[in-house]
Amino acid sequence: MSGAGLIIFDLDGTLVDQEAAVGRWADEFIRTYSASASPTPVC
């Protein structure tokens, strides 16, 4: 089985610190797209 992978579903949030993961994702998104860390009003 070449190229086979393992998929793990963390349905109850016990395997990964989800708050920290979202924070890392947001930091990466802001750095990548040069977005401002402070919210900007849409209207």
Protein backbone atom coordinates (compact mmCIF):
# COMPACT_ATOMS: atom_id res chain seq x y z
CA MET A 1 0.00 0.00 0.00
CA SER A 2 2.25 2.74 -1.21
CA GLY A 3 1.09 6.24 -0.35
CA ALA A 4 -1.48 5.09 2.18
CA GLY A 5 -2.06 7.52 5.02
CA LEU A 6 -3.66 7.56 8.41
CA ILE A 7 -6.64 9.78 9.17
CA ILE A 8 -7.46 10.59 12.77
CA PHE A 9 -10.70 12.35 13.64
CA ASP A 10 -10.64 14.36 16.88
CA LEU A 11 -14.40 14.73 17.27
CA ASP A 12 -14.37 15.55 20.96
CA GLY A 13 -11.33 17.86 20.92
CA THR A 14 -9.16 15.77 23.24
CA LEU A 15 -6.19 15.08 20.94
CA VAL A 16 -5.33 18.63 19.84
CA ASP A 17 -5.47 21.94 21.70
CA GLN A 18 -7.99 23.47 19.29
CA GLU A 19 -7.74 27.00 20.72
CA ALA A 20 -3.97 27.04 20.20
CA ALA A 21 -4.33 25.52 16.72
CA VAL A 22 -6.78 28.23 15.65
CA GLY A 23 -4.45 30.88 17.08
CA ARG A 24 -1.52 29.50 15.08
CA TRP A 25 -3.68 29.36 11.94
CA ALA A 26 -4.80 32.98 12.45
CA ASP A 27 -1.20 34.16 12.95
CA GLU A 28 -0.11 32.34 9.79
CA PHE A 29 -3.06 33.78 7.83
CA ILE A 30 -2.27 37.32 8.98
CA ARG A 31 1.42 36.96 8.08
CA THR A 32 0.66 35.35 4.71
CA TYR A 33 -1.97 37.82 3.56
CA SER A 34 -0.62 40.90 5.37
CA ALA A 35 -3.95 41.34 7.09
CA SER A 36 -4.33 43.56 10.11
CA ALA A 37 -4.62 41.81 13.48
CA SER A 38 -7.29 44.29 14.56
CA PRO A 39 -10.82 43.92 13.19
CA THR A 40 -11.92 46.35 10.49
CA PRO A 41 -15.58 47.35 10.17
CA VAL A 42 -17.19 46.06 6.99
CA CYS A 43 -19.75 48.84 6.53
